[in-house]
Structures are given as C-alpha cells and as structure tokens.
Amino acid sequence: MRNTNQSESIKMPRWRAYTWGVLAALTCPCHLPVLALLLSGTAAGAFVSEHWSFATLVLAVFFILFLRAALQAFRKRP
C-alpha cells in the first residue's frame, strides 16, 4: 500500500535548510563592512565602496529572501 500522508511528500532535506540559513547569514547587511574589507583591491570592492547605499539595499533584499526560504525549509521539516 502507498502512504498517502501529505506531510511525507513535502519533506525538505536538512542540508537545504541549513544552506539557506548560511546564505542569509552571509548576506546580512550588517556584514557589509567585512565584505568591503574582503573585496578591497578588486573591482567589486571598488563598486561597493562607491555605491555603499545600493550595496546595502541589495544585500538587505537578498537577506530577506534567503531568510524567508530558510524559515520555510525549517518549518517543512518533520
């Protein structure tokens, strides 16, 4: 017999939930100074230092998206 329990069919792998969480932590806008330091001397670092507010906005959007995905992935786990 087949199991028709719907909660079984929406399980997410544990590694995927943690991956979303790590991406959310890395794109947190509070880490922008560290990111600028790591990228110093590169074209990306020059762009970040010239467009600080734009970089903050982009990181904030990514952070919210990744955090939402991480929370959903952890909720779907049994």
C-alpha atoms as a PDB file:
ATOM      1  CA  MET A   1       0.000   0.000   0.000  1.00  0.00           C
ATOM      2  CA  ARG A   2       1.064   3.512  -0.678  1.00  0.00           C
ATOM      3  CA  ASN A   3       1.416   6.072   2.046  1.00  0.00           C
ATOM      4  CA  THR A   4      -0.915   8.966   1.293  1.00  0.00           C
ATOM      5  CA  ASN A   5       0.278  11.144   4.149  1.00  0.00           C
ATOM      6  CA  GLN A   6       0.888  14.560   2.586  1.00  0.00           C
ATOM      7  CA  SER A   7       3.419  15.621   5.203  1.00  0.00           C
ATOM      8  CA  GLU A   8       5.703  12.874   3.923  1.00  0.00           C
ATOM      9  CA  SER A   9       5.667  14.285   0.398  1.00  0.00           C
ATOM     10  CA  ILE A  10       6.757  17.830   1.342  1.00  0.00           C
ATOM     11  CA  LYS A  11       9.869  16.947   3.373  1.00  0.00           C
ATOM     12  CA  MET A  12      12.896  19.071   2.628  1.00  0.00           C
ATOM     13  CA  PRO A  13      16.410  17.751   3.008  1.00  0.00           C
ATOM     14  CA  ARG A  14      18.111  19.073   6.115  1.00  0.00           C
ATOM     15  CA  TRP A  15      21.159  20.354   4.206  1.00  0.00           C
ATOM     16  CA  ARG A  16      18.968  22.604   2.060  1.00  0.00           C
ATOM     17  CA  ALA A  17      17.505  24.357   5.096  1.00  0.00           C
ATOM     18  CA  TYR A  18      20.991  24.936   6.534  1.00  0.00           C
ATOM     19  CA  THR A  19      22.253  26.197   3.170  1.00  0.00           C
ATOM     20  CA  TRP A  20      19.512  28.830   3.068  1.00  0.00           C
ATOM     21  CA  GLY A  21      20.415  29.793   6.635  1.00  0.00           C
ATOM     22  CA  VAL A  22      24.102  30.200   5.813  1.00  0.00           C
ATOM     23  CA  LEU A  23      23.273  32.294   2.756  1.00  0.00           C
ATOM     24  CA  ALA A  24      21.039  34.503   4.906  1.00  0.00           C
ATOM     25  CA  ALA A  25      23.843  34.996   7.425  1.00  0.00           C
ATOM     26  CA  LEU A  26      26.363  35.840   4.709  1.00  0.00           C
ATOM     27  CA  THR A  27      24.126  38.392   3.005  1.00  0.00           C
ATOM     28  CA  CYS A  28      23.089  40.161   6.187  1.00  0.00           C
ATOM     29  CA  PRO A  29      23.628  43.907   5.616  1.00  0.00           C
ATOM     30  CA  CYS A  30      25.472  44.213   8.923  1.00  0.00           C
ATOM     31  CA  HIS A  31      28.323  42.239   7.329  1.00  0.00           C
ATOM     32  CA  LEU A  32      28.843  44.850   4.593  1.00  0.00           C
ATOM     33  CA  PRO A  33      31.964  46.403   6.204  1.00  0.00           C
ATOM     34  CA  VAL A  34      33.577  42.963   6.436  1.00  0.00           C
ATOM     35  CA  LEU A  35      32.612  42.245   2.831  1.00  0.00           C
ATOM     36  CA  ALA A  36      34.098  45.561   1.710  1.00  0.00           C
ATOM     37  CA  LEU A  37      37.321  44.714   3.542  1.00  0.00           C
ATOM     38  CA  LEU A  38      37.497  41.271   1.946  1.00  0.00           C
ATOM     39  CA  LEU A  39      36.880  42.693  -1.521  1.00  0.00           C
ATOM     40  CA  SER A  40      39.284  45.612  -1.182  1.00  0.00           C
ATOM     41  CA  GLY A  41      41.636  45.885  -4.132  1.00  0.00           C
ATOM     42  CA  THR A  42      39.176  44.333  -6.560  1.00  0.00           C
ATOM     43  CA  ALA A  43      36.679  45.822  -8.968  1.00  0.00           C
ATOM     44  CA  ALA A  44      33.828  44.514  -6.800  1.00  0.00           C
ATOM     45  CA  GLY A  45      35.367  46.206  -3.760  1.00  0.00           C
ATOM     46  CA  ALA A  46      35.630  49.496  -5.654  1.00  0.00           C
ATOM     47  CA  PHE A  47      31.988  49.216  -6.674  1.00  0.00           C
ATOM     48  CA  VAL A  48      30.882  48.518  -3.098  1.00  0.00           C
ATOM     49  CA  SER A  49      32.872  51.439  -1.715  1.00  0.00           C
ATOM     50  CA  GLU A  50      31.477  53.832  -4.339  1.00  0.00           C
ATOM     51  CA  HIS A  51      27.866  52.659  -4.049  1.00  0.00           C
ATOM     52  CA  TRP A  52      27.537  51.873  -0.347  1.00  0.00           C
ATOM     53  CA  SER A  53      23.779  52.523  -0.094  1.00  0.00           C
ATOM     54  CA  PHE A  54      22.985  50.481  -3.208  1.00  0.00           C
ATOM     55  CA  ALA A  55      25.057  47.571  -1.875  1.00  0.00           C
ATOM     56  CA  THR A  56      23.219  47.781   1.444  1.00  0.00           C
ATOM     57  CA  LEU A  57      19.855  47.715  -0.315  1.00  0.00           C
ATOM     58  CA  VAL A  58      20.818  44.736  -2.486  1.00  0.00           C
ATOM     59  CA  LEU A  59      22.157  42.798   0.496  1.00  0.00           C
ATOM     60  CA  ALA A  60      19.025  43.578   2.503  1.00  0.00           C
ATOM     61  CA  VAL A  61      16.800  42.224  -0.261  1.00  0.00           C
ATOM     62  CA  PHE A  62      18.888  39.050  -0.592  1.00  0.00           C
ATOM     63  CA  PHE A  63      18.927  38.660   3.195  1.00  0.00           C
ATOM     64  CA  ILE A  64      15.138  38.835   3.417  1.00  0.00           C
ATOM     65  CA  LEU A  65      14.684  36.357   0.557  1.00  0.00           C
ATOM     66  CA  PHE A  66      17.202  33.858   1.948  1.00  0.00           C
ATOM     67  CA  LEU A  67      15.868  34.184   5.492  1.00  0.00           C
ATOM     68  CA  ARG A  68      12.331  33.536   4.280  1.00  0.00           C
ATOM     69  CA  ALA A  69      13.477  30.457   2.346  1.00  0.00           C
ATOM     70  CA  ALA A  70      15.394  29.174   5.381  1.00  0.00           C
ATOM     71  CA  LEU A  71      12.418  29.599   7.701  1.00  0.00           C
ATOM     72  CA  GLN A  72      10.128  27.830   5.264  1.00  0.00           C
ATOM     73  CA  ALA A  73      12.600  24.987   4.826  1.00  0.00           C
ATOM     74  CA  PHE A  74      12.935  24.506   8.590  1.00  0.00           C
ATOM     75  CA  ARG A  75       9.141  24.571   9.024  1.00  0.00           C
ATOM     76  CA  LYS A  76       8.622  21.879   6.400  1.00  0.00           C
ATOM     77  CA  ARG A  77      10.924  19.511   8.248  1.00  0.00           C
ATOM     78  CA  PRO A  78       9.098  16.919  10.354  1.00  0.00           C
END
